[in-house]
Structure formats: C-alpha cells, structure tokens
Amino acid sequence: MGTPQSMILPHTYEAGDPYYIGDVYEESQVRLRLSTASSNDEPKSTPYLHYIDLLTDNGWPQLRYLADWMRVTTAPPKWRFLSRQDMHERATRVNITLLEFHTDLNTRHDIMTTEHLASLLPNLSVDGKDVAARLFVVEDLSRDVVEMLGSHLDVDPMFFRGHISDYTWYNIRDPWIELPEMDMVLRAKSYFHIRYPHTRYFRHPKSYARARLETGGFNVLRRVNRDGNWIPGVDIPSSDVGMVRSSMSFWVQPQITGVVNAILLVDPLITEGFPLWGGYNDFVPCPSMADSPPQRPARGSTFENCIYWLQQLSSNEVQSIAQDPRILLQKPLCIVCSEWLTIVRYADTRLSQLEWEIEDPHLRYRHEDLSVTLEKIHSWRRRFPIYKTLVSEALTKVVRRHKFAHATENSLLVLEKDFEMIQAKLTDLHERAERIMSVVTAVMSIEESKKALQQNRSLARLTYLAVTFVPLSFVSSFFSMTDDVTKLSRTYWVYFTVAIPVTLLALVVVRFSDLVVEVCRRVLRVFRKQG
C-alpha cells in the first residue's frame, strides 16, 4: 500500500505548506520537473496527458491540476512524500469491473492490471453484437486508468478532474480550485458528479488514526473528518463518528456507436471502523416468508455494492438503456440517497442529545459549561449549508436534468421525491440548530448574569468589611502616634490641614483620571510636533 510517509494527507500539520508545488498564479513546479517522466515511470506514449496539457494552455486552466495529478499519480501536494516505488505502484493501480449488458444476461469481467486493460480495450467491438451497453466500474483512479480509458473512449477530461479531490472551500492561491460552470455548459456535458458524506463509527482514537492512514493510501483525495460530538453516559469514552466527503461520477459516451459505453467512478472502501448503525437497508421490500431469502454476498465496498445492484437489472431495463443510459446510475444513486438518509438521522440524533445537555447539566462531560455545547452546535451549523448545497446540486444537475447525452427519457425522476425529502429535512435541521444556538446563548447569558450577581454580592460583603474596618484602622493609627494623646493637640490642625486636601485631590484624580490621561496625551503630541 506504500510507505507511512506516502500516506501523509495534504493540508495537515505533517504535510506542511502545500504551495511548494506552485500556486495558481505560478507555473506548475510539477510540470516543470516531471514533464520528462524520468522520475515517475510515466509511459512513453501519453496522448491523453499531452491532450490535457494542450487544453490547460488553451482555455481550460483548471485542468492543470489533473495534469499534475497524473504526473504525481495522486494529489499533487503529496509529491515530496512519495518515492519512485510509491509513485509506480500508485500509477499502475487498477481495480475495474467491466459489466456487459446483453439482452438475456449480464457478464462481468474483472480487470486488475494495466496489461489486462490495455489488451481488452482495443478488442471491444463497436457493434457489440447482442451487447446493449458496457459499463466500466472503477474503484479509485490511477494515472494509467485515466490515460487508457480517456484516450480510448475520448472522455472529457473535466469528468476525471471533478472526481479526484474533495474540497468544499478554497483560498485565492489554490491551484486545485474548481470554478462553477454555467448551466448552459453543463447541459451539453454527458457526465455527472454526485458528492455525499459517508459515515464510519470508530470505537477508539487508534481506530480513527488507522482510518486516516487508509485514506492517505487512496489516489483520489478523501479525508475522514471527526465529528467530536461525544456524549457522556451514552457513547463509549473516546469513541467518535467520522465523515468522509465521498464522490460518485458517471459518464456516457455522447456518440451513439451501436453500444452504450459508460464509466462509473466510485471511492475506495475504508475498512477500519464500522458503517454507522450497521449501514443502510436494501432497496427492495423484504421477501415473503414463502420465498427463499435472496442469496447475496456480504455488504462490502461501494464498488462491490454497485456491481451487485447493476447485475440485478431486468431485461426490460437493459433494453431501455439505449433510450436512457441513466438507468445504469439509478441503483448507484440509491446508495447515495441511503447515505444521505443516514447522515440526516445522525444529525437529528446529535441535535436531540445537545438539547438534552441544555436541559440537564449532568449530561455534560465533567459538568462543563455550555461553551462546549455551543462549539458542537456551531460545527453542525457550519455543515448544514454545505450539505444543502450538495443535495441541491444532486437534484438540479442530476435527478431533474432533462437533457443528457442522447437520452429521450429520465429514469432518475423516481428518486426526485427522496432527494426533496432529504433537502427539506436538512433545512429543518439547519433551522433547528439556529434555534438551539439562540437558546444556548440565552441560557449562557442568564448563567453569566447569575455569576455577576453573585460577584456583586461578594463585593458588597467586602464593602461592609471596609466600612467597618477603615474607621477602626484610622483610629488605631491616630492614637498610635504617641502614648499621651494630649500632647497631639498642637498638631491636630496640621494633620487635618494636610490630610483633607490630599484626600480630596486623590478623589478628584480618580474621578477624572480619563480626562487627565487624555490631556497628557495631547500635551505629548504637541511637544512631539514642536520637536
């Protein structure tokens, strides 16, 4: 899988400054130093990479990051942490299943090496005889997979570009920026990108650390973000839930060649930890007791789950692929929808627990104040707008998209109601988080007022003590001047003549101290100007 250093994730403390590869306003250092391909075993013939370089210099600057990704063989900021052996292993990594959909059966071809892929692609016939469609299901990406599929099927490079990273916000120097495209442009494209969160449960911090190490071994950039909403008395101490910003991408060859050729990109599986709540249920009703239970393999990666459901397509669905290739995306999109339903239920659960913390201080960790609860709520307030944007994009750009390639129908509309319900629920949760935030702020203000009142009472007690002891202190000091008080009769008037003006002066200074300071500042300014 690679050396521990090669597992370092970009944009972490261990990785350091990511701009050593050059920012967006500079020429790519990766292209300058690796264009000869002598250090990363780049194949001698790379027409697709050269094609991307040409587009980068002629109107598509954001493809520069894809070109750098292919040269580094993974996220470009990881370049300095990879040895030649690591880069070669990543560049030649292949995990592809080719599904061929015939009128009467579906066949599966597993491709695990670049040699197998290179020998298979030229032998795919155009007419395909009785083949209705071919779908390449790809787990993770690599330089050789992008090069071979891209050049053989003439794939739009922006399809691969949109799948290799997981950023949700950017700095103004970032070379990995992805600018939004006009809807007019998107309607002419024959691919989709669907982003969604995948949740994993970790029993202890070491399990989470191992999961982060796993994601560091992916070629595509994926990161596990800790939730941190641990509830005492409910969760196992130090356990946590991680959320991965995952992606699924679907492309269809726009030209009708007799056979529908398509590509489905999915993310690798994080084996560490557990699917939250055991994972989602199947997409079909439970079979009757009179029927034998379905024989299906144990649920594994998104890759295997997609293949399983795609192999369940009926003959009628296979025959309809020519009219709407999006039938091939329907079941994978059900997986995405199920992941969204899981995150919605999880967010609802955590917000309910935070409401309990407000009502019952004993539920808080070590009886801490509400500032920790406030931080937890703020993390959800930050996530909800991102989630709502991702669901909105899935609705408008995928599910409701009318024109797509050569399709005359839209088989994804059956999922429109599900995504609308998810969108509405996320809106409700966002508003609920805002209300909880207001309640927490109000409760904290009340608690602070109570503390201030308590402090005032303490100060009042000190005032009483001062009123009591100051006269006594004065009397004791006055009579301690001499043993014979009668001898002080001549100095009484001197004492009060000096003490009273000094006391009045001190009171005036305290009362008008701000004014005195301001006058002094003005005098100093005058002297400085004159000097």
Protein backbone atom coordinates (compact mmCIF):
# COMPACT_ATOMS: atom_id res chain seq x y z
CA MET A 1 0.00 0.00 0.00
CA GLY A 2 3.00 2.28 0.34
CA THR A 3 5.35 3.65 2.97
CA PRO A 4 3.99 5.50 6.04
CA GLN A 5 5.36 8.74 4.64
CA SER A 6 3.40 8.23 1.41
CA MET A 7 0.20 8.02 3.50
CA ILE A 8 0.55 11.62 4.72
CA LEU A 9 -2.52 13.63 3.77
CA PRO A 10 -2.19 17.10 2.23
CA HIS A 11 -3.27 20.14 4.26
CA THR A 12 -2.23 18.62 7.57
CA TYR A 13 0.42 19.58 10.10
CA GLU A 14 2.66 16.73 8.90
CA ALA A 15 2.36 17.79 5.24
CA GLY A 16 3.32 21.42 5.78
CA ASP A 17 2.93 24.14 3.17
CA PRO A 18 1.05 22.77 0.11
CA TYR A 19 2.05 25.67 -2.14
CA TYR A 20 5.54 24.30 -2.76
CA ILE A 21 4.07 22.86 -5.99
CA GLY A 22 3.32 26.45 -7.05
CA ASP A 23 0.17 28.46 -6.52
CA VAL A 24 -2.41 29.18 -9.20
CA TYR A 25 -0.53 32.30 -10.37
CA GLU A 26 2.77 30.48 -10.91
CA GLU A 27 3.86 27.89 -13.40
CA SER A 28 3.39 24.36 -12.13
CA GLN A 29 6.53 23.04 -10.49
CA VAL A 30 5.24 19.51 -11.03
CA ARG A 31 5.01 20.01 -14.76
CA LEU A 32 8.44 21.62 -14.93
CA ARG A 33 10.24 18.87 -13.05
CA LEU A 34 8.28 15.76 -14.04
CA SER A 35 7.38 16.50 -17.64
CA THR A 36 10.27 14.32 -18.82
CA ALA A 37 8.74 11.47 -16.78
CA SER A 38 12.14 10.12 -15.84
CA SER A 39 11.36 10.03 -12.12
CA ASN A 40 7.86 8.56 -12.02
CA ASP A 41 7.94 5.85 -14.70
CA GLU A 42 5.48 7.65 -16.95
CA PRO A 43 4.74 5.61 -20.09
CA LYS A 44 6.49 6.65 -23.26
CA SER A 45 3.18 7.30 -25.05
CA THR A 46 0.79 9.52 -23.09
CA PRO A 47 -1.52 11.08 -25.67
CA TYR A 48 -4.26 11.81 -23.17
CA LEU A 49 -1.89 13.63 -20.79
CA HIS A 50 -0.50 15.66 -23.69
CA TYR A 51 -4.07 16.45 -24.70
CA ILE A 52 -4.78 17.71 -21.18
CA ASP A 53 -1.64 19.87 -21.24
CA LEU A 54 -2.78 21.37 -24.53
CA LEU A 55 -6.22 22.20 -23.10
CA THR A 56 -4.64 23.65 -19.95
CA ASP A 57 -2.70 26.16 -22.04
CA ASN A 58 -5.66 26.98 -24.30
CA GLY A 59 -8.73 27.90 -22.31
CA TRP A 60 -9.14 25.28 -19.57
CA PRO A 61 -6.67 26.34 -16.82
CA GLN A 62 -8.32 24.19 -14.15
CA LEU A 63 -7.18 21.07 -15.98
CA ARG A 64 -3.66 21.91 -14.80
CA TYR A 65 -4.44 20.16 -11.52
CA LEU A 66 -5.49 16.97 -13.33
CA ALA A 67 -2.25 17.01 -15.33
CA ASP A 68 -0.25 17.46 -12.12
CA TRP A 69 -2.29 14.68 -10.50
CA MET A 70 -1.40 12.30 -13.34
CA ARG A 71 2.29 13.16 -13.12
CA VAL A 72 2.42 12.77 -9.33
CA THR A 73 0.00 9.78 -9.57
CA THR A 74 -2.05 11.16 -6.65
CA ALA A 75 -2.89 14.53 -5.03
CA PRO A 76 -0.05 16.85 -6.19
CA PRO A 77 0.72 18.25 -2.70
CA LYS A 78 1.86 14.71 -1.74
CA TRP A 79 4.62 14.80 -4.35
CA ARG A 80 7.57 15.25 -1.96
CA PHE A 81 6.44 12.36 0.26
CA LEU A 82 6.46 9.73 -2.49
CA SER A 83 9.37 7.53 -3.50
CA ARG A 84 9.76 6.22 -7.05
CA GLN A 85 8.39 2.88 -5.88
CA ASP A 86 5.34 4.53 -4.29
CA MET A 87 4.63 6.53 -7.44
CA HIS A 88 4.93 3.49 -9.69
CA GLU A 89 2.59 1.44 -7.50
CA ARG A 90 0.00 4.21 -7.46
CA ALA A 91 0.33 4.92 -11.19
CA THR A 92 -0.28 1.31 -12.22
CA ARG A 93 -3.04 0.59 -9.69
CA VAL A 94 -6.12 -0.93 -11.37
CA ASN A 95 -9.42 -2.16 -9.90
CA ILE A 96 -12.02 -2.19 -12.65
CA THR A 97 -15.02 -4.36 -13.43
CA LEU A 98 -16.44 -4.30 -16.94
CA LEU A 99 -20.15 -5.12 -16.98
CA GLU A 100 -21.61 -6.06 -20.35
CA PHE A 101 -25.39 -5.97 -20.54
CA HIS A 102 -26.84 -8.42 -23.05
CA THR A 103 -30.48 -8.87 -23.91
CA ASP A 104 -30.72 -12.13 -21.98
CA LEU A 105 -27.84 -11.98 -19.43
CA ASN A 106 -25.15 -9.78 -17.90
CA THR A 107 -21.47 -10.67 -17.87
CA ARG A 108 -18.72 -9.46 -15.55
CA HIS A 109 -15.02 -9.05 -16.35
CA ASP A 110 -12.66 -8.12 -13.53
CA ILE A 111 -9.58 -6.14 -14.58
CA MET A 112 -6.76 -5.91 -12.05
CA THR A 113 -3.68 -4.99 -14.12
CA THR A 114 -2.78 -2.34 -16.67
CA GLU A 115 -1.71 -5.08 -19.10
CA HIS A 116 -5.17 -6.66 -18.96
CA LEU A 117 -6.86 -3.30 -19.50
CA ALA A 118 -4.52 -2.41 -22.37
CA SER A 119 -5.24 -5.73 -24.13
CA LEU A 120 -9.02 -5.55 -23.54
CA LEU A 121 -9.84 -2.05 -24.77
CA PRO A 122 -8.77 -2.45 -28.44
CA ASN A 123 -10.76 -5.70 -28.72
CA LEU A 124 -14.09 -4.17 -27.73
CA SER A 125 -16.21 -4.28 -30.87
CA VAL A 126 -18.21 -1.26 -31.90
CA ASP A 127 -21.42 -3.07 -32.71
CA GLY A 128 -21.10 -5.49 -29.79
CA LYS A 129 -23.45 -7.96 -31.48
CA ASP A 130 -26.09 -8.53 -28.78
CA VAL A 131 -24.43 -6.18 -26.24
CA ALA A 132 -26.74 -3.30 -25.23
CA ALA A 133 -24.26 -1.47 -23.02
CA ARG A 134 -20.82 -1.63 -21.44
CA LEU A 135 -20.13 -0.07 -18.06
CA PHE A 136 -16.64 0.30 -16.60
CA VAL A 137 -16.98 0.43 -12.80
CA VAL A 138 -13.75 1.92 -11.45
CA GLU A 139 -12.67 2.00 -7.79
CA ASP A 140 -10.15 4.76 -7.14
CA LEU A 141 -8.30 6.22 -10.09
CA SER A 142 -4.73 6.00 -11.30
CA ARG A 143 -2.62 7.61 -13.98
CA ASP A 144 -2.75 4.55 -16.26
CA VAL A 145 -6.53 4.10 -15.85
CA VAL A 146 -7.17 7.75 -16.74
CA GLU A 147 -4.76 7.56 -19.67
CA MET A 148 -6.21 4.36 -21.15
CA LEU A 149 -9.92 5.00 -20.62
CA GLY A 150 -9.60 8.66 -21.51
CA SER A 151 -7.76 8.10 -24.79
CA HIS A 152 -9.68 5.00 -25.92
CA LEU A 153 -13.19 6.36 -25.17
CA ASP A 154 -12.38 10.05 -25.78
CA VAL A 155 -13.57 11.08 -22.31
CA ASP A 156 -13.97 14.75 -21.42
CA PRO A 157 -11.04 15.45 -19.02
CA MET A 158 -13.31 17.54 -16.78
CA PHE A 159 -15.03 14.26 -15.87
CA PHE A 160 -11.86 12.97 -14.21
CA ARG A 161 -10.96 16.43 -12.89
CA GLY A 162 -14.16 16.68 -10.87
CA HIS A 163 -13.62 13.34 -9.14
CA ILE A 164 -10.05 13.46 -7.84
CA SER A 165 -10.47 15.92 -4.92
CA ASP A 166 -12.89 16.64 -2.07
CA TYR A 167 -12.57 20.38 -1.43
CA THR A 168 -15.61 22.39 -0.29
CA TRP A 169 -13.90 25.79 0.00
CA TYR A 170 -10.77 27.41 -1.39
CA ASN A 171 -8.14 30.08 -0.82
CA ILE A 172 -7.35 32.61 -3.53
CA ARG A 173 -3.96 30.97 -4.26
CA ASP A 174 -5.19 27.39 -4.64
CA PRO A 175 -4.23 25.63 -7.89
CA TRP A 176 -6.84 22.95 -7.06
CA ILE A 177 -9.71 25.43 -7.43
CA GLU A 178 -12.86 24.25 -9.25
CA LEU A 179 -14.92 27.17 -10.51
CA PRO A 180 -18.66 26.61 -11.12
CA GLU A 181 -19.75 26.31 -14.72
CA MET A 182 -22.74 27.87 -16.40
CA ASP A 183 -25.85 25.75 -16.65
CA MET A 184 -25.76 26.19 -20.44
CA VAL A 185 -22.36 24.47 -20.47
CA LEU A 186 -23.38 21.72 -18.05
CA ARG A 187 -26.40 20.77 -20.14
CA ALA A 188 -24.10 19.93 -23.04
CA LYS A 189 -21.93 17.59 -20.96
CA SER A 190 -22.54 13.85 -20.74
CA TYR A 191 -21.39 13.23 -17.18
CA PHE A 192 -22.44 13.77 -13.55
CA HIS A 193 -20.61 14.32 -10.28
CA ILE A 194 -22.53 13.39 -7.13
CA ARG A 195 -20.96 14.29 -3.79
CA TYR A 196 -22.19 12.91 -0.50
CA PRO A 197 -20.96 12.16 3.06
CA HIS A 198 -20.10 8.61 4.08
CA THR A 199 -20.16 7.89 7.83
CA ARG A 200 -17.99 5.48 9.83
CA TYR A 201 -18.08 4.64 13.54
CA PHE A 202 -14.80 4.35 15.44
CA ARG A 203 -14.64 2.81 18.92
CA HIS A 204 -11.37 4.48 19.92
CA PRO A 205 -8.87 7.10 18.66
CA LYS A 206 -6.44 4.47 17.34
CA SER A 207 -9.16 3.16 15.03
CA TYR A 208 -9.74 6.68 13.72
CA ALA A 209 -5.99 7.15 13.20
CA ARG A 210 -5.82 3.93 11.17
CA ALA A 211 -8.74 5.14 9.04
CA ARG A 212 -6.88 8.38 8.29
CA LEU A 213 -3.87 6.29 7.29
CA GLU A 214 -6.09 4.29 4.92
CA THR A 215 -7.37 7.41 3.17
CA GLY A 216 -3.76 8.53 2.78
CA GLY A 217 -3.27 5.45 0.60
CA PHE A 218 -6.00 6.45 -1.86
CA ASN A 219 -5.04 8.10 -5.14
CA VAL A 220 -8.10 10.34 -5.04
CA LEU A 221 -8.09 12.85 -2.18
CA ARG A 222 -10.50 11.75 0.53
CA ARG A 223 -10.28 12.66 4.22
CA VAL A 224 -12.03 11.47 7.37
CA ASN A 225 -13.33 14.35 9.49
CA ARG A 226 -14.08 13.65 13.14
CA ASP A 227 -17.47 14.73 14.42
CA GLY A 228 -16.35 15.15 18.04
CA ASN A 229 -19.90 15.15 19.46
CA TRP A 230 -19.18 12.63 22.20
CA ILE A 231 -21.97 12.32 24.79
CA PRO A 232 -21.04 11.04 28.30
CA GLY A 233 -23.13 8.19 29.60
CA VAL A 234 -24.32 7.38 26.08
CA ASP A 235 -21.21 6.93 23.91
CA ILE A 236 -18.17 4.81 24.67
CA PRO A 237 -15.45 7.16 26.03
CA SER A 238 -13.19 8.45 23.23
CA SER A 239 -15.36 6.85 20.52
CA ASP A 240 -16.29 9.01 17.55
CA VAL A 241 -18.02 9.16 14.19
CA GLY A 242 -16.04 10.10 11.10
CA MET A 243 -17.50 11.64 7.95
CA VAL A 244 -15.84 11.24 4.57
CA ARG A 245 -16.64 13.63 1.72
CA SER A 246 -17.22 10.97 -0.93
CA SER A 247 -17.96 11.23 -4.63
CA MET A 248 -19.56 9.18 -7.40
CA SER A 249 -19.11 10.13 -11.06
CA PHE A 250 -20.94 8.84 -14.13
CA TRP A 251 -20.02 9.38 -17.79
CA VAL A 252 -21.72 8.21 -21.01
CA GLN A 253 -20.13 8.33 -24.44
CA PRO A 254 -22.10 11.07 -26.21
CA GLN A 255 -21.88 9.50 -29.67
CA ILE A 256 -24.21 6.60 -30.43
CA THR A 257 -21.99 3.81 -31.81
CA GLY A 258 -24.43 0.94 -31.53
CA VAL A 259 -23.29 0.13 -27.97
CA VAL A 260 -23.70 2.46 -24.99
CA ASN A 261 -20.30 2.87 -23.34
CA ALA A 262 -20.26 4.32 -19.83
CA ILE A 263 -17.94 4.78 -16.86
CA LEU A 264 -18.85 4.82 -13.17
CA LEU A 265 -16.21 6.09 -10.72
CA VAL A 266 -16.61 5.20 -7.04
CA ASP A 267 -14.47 5.73 -3.95
CA PRO A 268 -12.35 3.05 -2.28
CA LEU A 269 -13.58 1.41 0.92
CA ILE A 270 -12.33 2.42 4.36
CA THR A 271 -12.10 -0.95 6.09
CA GLU A 272 -11.34 0.48 9.54
CA GLY A 273 -14.31 1.12 11.80
CA PHE A 274 -17.93 0.20 11.15
CA PRO A 275 -20.75 1.54 8.96
CA LEU A 276 -22.81 3.81 11.18
CA TRP A 277 -25.74 1.83 12.67
CA GLY A 278 -24.70 -1.18 10.59
CA GLY A 279 -25.36 0.52 7.25
CA TYR A 280 -28.48 1.10 5.17
CA ASN A 281 -31.16 -1.45 4.27
CA ASP A 282 -31.59 -2.93 0.81
CA PHE A 283 -33.65 -1.06 -1.79
CA VAL A 284 -36.33 -3.70 -2.17
CA PRO A 285 -39.08 -4.87 0.24
CA CYS A 286 -38.37 -7.87 2.46
CA PRO A 287 -39.18 -11.14 0.68
CA SER A 288 -42.18 -13.14 1.77
CA MET A 289 -41.73 -16.00 4.22
CA ALA A 290 -42.84 -18.31 1.45
CA ASP A 291 -39.94 -17.18 -0.72
CA SER A 292 -36.36 -18.16 -0.19
CA PRO A 293 -34.16 -15.30 1.06
CA PRO A 294 -32.02 -13.68 -1.65
CA GLN A 295 -28.53 -15.06 -1.94
CA ARG A 296 -26.27 -12.03 -1.96
CA PRO A 297 -22.69 -11.52 -0.78
CA ALA A 298 -21.97 -9.71 2.45
CA ARG A 299 -22.16 -5.97 2.04
CA GLY A 300 -18.73 -4.59 1.33
CA SER A 301 -17.39 -1.62 -0.57
CA THR A 302 -19.36 0.84 -2.65
CA PHE A 303 -17.61 -0.75 -5.62
CA GLU A 304 -18.99 -4.23 -4.91
CA ASN A 305 -22.42 -2.90 -3.89
CA CYS A 306 -22.78 -1.01 -7.17
CA ILE A 307 -21.77 -4.08 -9.16
CA TYR A 308 -24.26 -6.26 -7.26
CA TRP A 309 -27.21 -3.96 -7.92
CA LEU A 310 -26.25 -3.34 -11.54
CA GLN A 311 -26.24 -7.09 -12.14
CA GLN A 312 -29.84 -7.18 -10.92
CA LEU A 313 -31.11 -5.12 -13.86
CA SER A 314 -34.04 -6.77 -15.57
CA SER A 315 -34.19 -7.48 -19.30
CA ASN A 316 -36.68 -4.64 -19.77
CA GLU A 317 -34.31 -2.22 -18.04
CA VAL A 318 -31.41 -3.42 -20.19
CA GLN A 319 -33.44 -2.85 -23.35
CA SER A 320 -34.25 0.68 -22.16
CA ILE A 321 -30.59 1.70 -21.76
CA ALA A 322 -30.46 2.90 -25.36
CA GLN A 323 -33.31 5.36 -24.63
CA ASP A 324 -31.86 6.45 -21.28
CA PRO A 325 -28.35 5.41 -20.21
CA ARG A 326 -29.09 6.88 -16.76
CA ILE A 327 -30.73 3.55 -15.89
CA LEU A 328 -27.17 2.45 -15.17
CA LEU A 329 -26.93 5.15 -12.49
CA GLN A 330 -30.28 4.53 -10.82
CA LYS A 331 -29.19 1.87 -8.31
CA PRO A 332 -25.83 3.52 -7.50
CA LEU A 333 -27.76 6.73 -6.88
CA CYS A 334 -29.95 4.79 -4.43
CA ILE A 335 -26.75 4.08 -2.46
CA VAL A 336 -26.00 7.82 -2.39
CA CYS A 337 -29.56 8.56 -1.27
CA SER A 338 -29.26 5.99 1.52
CA GLU A 339 -26.03 7.59 2.73
CA TRP A 340 -27.82 10.95 2.87
CA LEU A 341 -30.67 9.43 4.89
CA THR A 342 -28.10 8.07 7.35
CA ILE A 343 -26.41 11.45 7.83
CA VAL A 344 -29.81 13.12 8.28
CA ARG A 345 -30.76 10.67 11.02
CA TYR A 346 -27.36 11.07 12.66
CA ALA A 347 -27.62 14.88 12.65
CA ASP A 348 -31.11 14.63 14.15
CA THR A 349 -29.78 12.32 16.87
CA ARG A 350 -26.91 14.63 17.81
CA LEU A 351 -29.10 17.73 17.93
CA SER A 352 -31.53 15.92 20.23
CA GLN A 353 -28.67 14.97 22.53
CA LEU A 354 -27.43 18.57 22.58
CA GLU A 355 -30.91 19.69 23.59
CA TRP A 356 -30.76 17.25 26.49
CA GLU A 357 -27.43 18.74 27.55
CA ILE A 358 -29.06 22.15 27.78
CA GLU A 359 -31.88 20.83 29.95
CA ASP A 360 -29.77 18.58 32.19
CA PRO A 361 -26.24 19.79 33.17
CA HIS A 362 -25.43 16.28 34.48
CA LEU A 363 -25.30 15.05 30.87
CA ARG A 364 -22.39 17.36 30.11
CA TYR A 365 -18.88 15.98 30.21
CA ARG A 366 -17.46 16.64 33.71
CA HIS A 367 -20.28 19.15 34.24
CA GLU A 368 -18.60 21.57 31.82
CA ASP A 369 -20.30 24.81 30.91
CA LEU A 370 -22.36 25.37 27.79
CA SER A 371 -19.44 26.76 25.79
CA VAL A 372 -18.55 23.20 24.72
CA THR A 373 -22.17 22.58 23.73
CA LEU A 374 -22.06 25.81 21.77
CA GLU A 375 -18.99 24.60 19.84
CA LYS A 376 -20.75 21.34 18.96
CA ILE A 377 -23.81 23.16 17.66
CA HIS A 378 -21.63 25.55 15.66
CA SER A 379 -19.99 22.59 13.88
CA TRP A 380 -23.43 21.46 12.69
CA ARG A 381 -24.41 25.00 11.69
CA ARG A 382 -21.32 25.04 9.50
CA ARG A 383 -22.06 21.65 7.91
CA PHE A 384 -25.74 22.09 7.10
CA PRO A 385 -25.27 24.77 4.39
CA ILE A 386 -22.65 22.52 2.72
CA TYR A 387 -24.96 19.51 2.88
CA LYS A 388 -27.88 21.51 1.50
CA THR A 389 -25.74 22.69 -1.40
CA LEU A 390 -24.65 19.13 -2.24
CA VAL A 391 -28.24 17.82 -2.19
CA SER A 392 -29.43 20.79 -4.25
CA GLU A 393 -26.74 20.06 -6.84
CA ALA A 394 -27.79 16.40 -6.99
CA LEU A 395 -31.40 17.44 -7.52
CA THR A 396 -30.89 20.12 -10.16
CA LYS A 397 -27.86 18.79 -12.03
CA VAL A 398 -28.55 15.04 -11.87
CA VAL A 399 -32.06 13.93 -10.93
CA ARG A 400 -34.06 16.70 -12.64
CA ARG A 401 -31.76 17.16 -15.59
CA HIS A 402 -33.85 16.70 -18.69
CA LYS A 403 -31.27 16.72 -21.47
CA PHE A 404 -28.45 14.21 -21.09
CA ALA A 405 -26.38 12.77 -23.95
CA HIS A 406 -28.77 11.03 -26.37
CA ALA A 407 -31.39 10.12 -23.73
CA THR A 408 -35.07 10.53 -24.58
CA GLU A 409 -36.31 9.62 -21.08
CA ASN A 410 -35.22 10.29 -17.48
CA SER A 411 -35.21 7.20 -15.29
CA LEU A 412 -33.77 9.13 -12.31
CA LEU A 413 -37.00 11.05 -11.66
CA VAL A 414 -38.17 8.14 -9.47
CA LEU A 415 -35.66 9.43 -6.88
CA GLU A 416 -36.78 13.07 -7.06
CA LYS A 417 -39.13 12.79 -4.08
CA ASP A 418 -36.46 11.13 -1.95
CA PHE A 419 -33.94 13.89 -2.55
CA GLU A 420 -36.61 16.54 -1.99
CA MET A 421 -37.39 14.98 1.41
CA ILE A 422 -33.68 14.96 2.28
CA GLN A 423 -33.38 18.60 1.24
CA ALA A 424 -36.42 19.58 3.34
CA LYS A 425 -35.13 17.66 6.34
CA LEU A 426 -31.71 19.33 6.12
CA THR A 427 -33.44 22.73 6.00
CA ASP A 428 -35.44 21.82 9.13
CA LEU A 429 -32.30 20.62 10.91
CA HIS A 430 -30.46 23.82 9.98
CA GLU A 431 -33.27 25.96 11.39
CA ARG A 432 -33.40 23.76 14.47
CA ALA A 433 -29.66 24.23 15.02
CA GLU A 434 -30.14 28.00 14.78
CA ARG A 435 -32.91 27.85 17.40
CA ILE A 436 -30.78 25.71 19.70
CA MET A 437 -27.92 28.19 19.24
CA SER A 438 -30.24 31.02 20.33
CA VAL A 439 -31.40 29.05 23.37
CA VAL A 440 -27.84 28.18 24.38
CA THR A 441 -26.77 31.81 24.01
CA ALA A 442 -29.73 32.94 26.14
CA VAL A 443 -29.04 30.31 28.82
CA MET A 444 -25.36 31.28 28.89
CA SER A 445 -26.35 34.95 29.30
CA ILE A 446 -28.61 34.03 32.22
CA GLU A 447 -25.84 31.97 33.79
CA GLU A 448 -23.38 34.84 33.33
CA SER A 449 -25.89 37.23 34.91
CA LYS A 450 -26.23 34.92 37.89
CA LYS A 451 -22.46 34.77 38.24
CA ALA A 452 -22.25 38.58 38.01
CA LEU A 453 -24.95 38.92 40.67
CA GLN A 454 -23.04 36.54 42.90
CA GLN A 455 -19.86 38.55 42.39
CA ASN A 456 -21.72 41.76 43.24
CA ARG A 457 -22.91 40.19 46.47
CA SER A 458 -19.33 39.23 47.28
CA LEU A 459 -18.21 42.79 46.58
CA ALA A 460 -20.97 44.09 48.81
CA ARG A 461 -19.65 41.98 51.67
CA LEU A 462 -16.18 43.44 51.09
CA THR A 463 -17.68 46.93 51.20
CA TYR A 464 -19.31 46.19 54.53
CA LEU A 465 -15.96 44.97 55.84
CA ALA A 466 -14.24 48.13 54.56
CA VAL A 467 -16.85 50.37 56.17
CA THR A 468 -16.28 48.51 59.41
CA PHE A 469 -12.51 48.36 59.48
CA VAL A 470 -11.44 51.64 57.82
CA PRO A 471 -12.62 53.83 60.75
CA LEU A 472 -11.08 51.39 63.20
CA SER A 473 -7.83 51.48 61.23
CA PHE A 474 -7.87 55.29 61.22
CA VAL A 475 -8.47 55.49 64.94
CA SER A 476 -5.81 52.92 65.73
CA SER A 477 -3.27 54.75 63.51
CA PHE A 478 -4.15 58.12 65.02
CA PHE A 479 -3.79 57.02 68.61
CA SER A 480 -0.58 55.11 67.89
CA MET A 481 1.32 58.34 67.26
CA THR A 482 2.16 58.69 70.96
CA ASP A 483 1.25 57.25 74.29
CA ASP A 484 -0.01 60.61 75.56
CA VAL A 485 -2.82 61.83 73.31
CA THR A 486 -2.96 65.25 74.99
CA LYS A 487 0.43 66.12 73.53
CA LEU A 488 -1.06 65.96 69.98
CA SER A 489 -3.33 68.97 70.47
CA ARG A 490 -0.85 71.28 68.69
CA THR A 491 -0.58 69.01 65.60
CA TYR A 492 -4.32 68.29 65.15
CA TRP A 493 -4.77 71.26 62.83
CA VAL A 494 -1.62 70.33 60.83
CA TYR A 495 -2.84 66.74 60.35
CA PHE A 496 -6.27 67.72 59.07
CA THR A 497 -4.90 70.62 57.02
CA VAL A 498 -2.70 68.20 55.08
CA ALA A 499 -4.91 65.08 55.09
CA ILE A 500 -8.14 66.64 53.86
CA PRO A 501 -6.69 68.34 50.72
CA VAL A 502 -4.65 65.25 49.84
CA THR A 503 -7.77 63.06 50.18
CA LEU A 504 -9.80 65.45 48.02
CA LEU A 505 -7.04 65.54 45.42
CA ALA A 506 -6.94 61.74 45.29
CA LEU A 507 -10.72 61.59 44.82
CA VAL A 508 -10.56 64.17 42.02
CA VAL A 509 -7.75 62.27 40.25
CA VAL A 510 -9.69 59.02 40.44
CA ARG A 511 -12.90 60.68 39.28
CA PHE A 512 -11.31 62.48 36.33
CA SER A 513 -8.46 60.07 35.55
CA ASP A 514 -9.60 59.51 31.95
CA LEU A 515 -9.64 63.27 31.33
CA VAL A 516 -6.18 63.66 32.87
CA VAL A 517 -4.78 60.90 30.66
CA GLU A 518 -6.28 62.48 27.55
CA VAL A 519 -4.82 65.91 28.44
CA CYS A 520 -1.40 64.37 28.95
CA ARG A 521 -1.59 62.65 25.58
CA ARG A 522 -2.47 65.91 23.83
CA VAL A 523 0.41 67.70 25.56
CA LEU A 524 2.80 64.96 24.43
CA ARG A 525 1.54 65.24 20.84
CA VAL A 526 2.13 68.99 20.91
CA PHE A 527 5.69 68.56 22.21
CA ARG A 528 6.40 65.90 19.54
CA LYS A 529 5.17 68.14 16.74
CA GLN A 530 7.21 71.06 18.01
CA GLY A 531 10.27 68.88 18.44
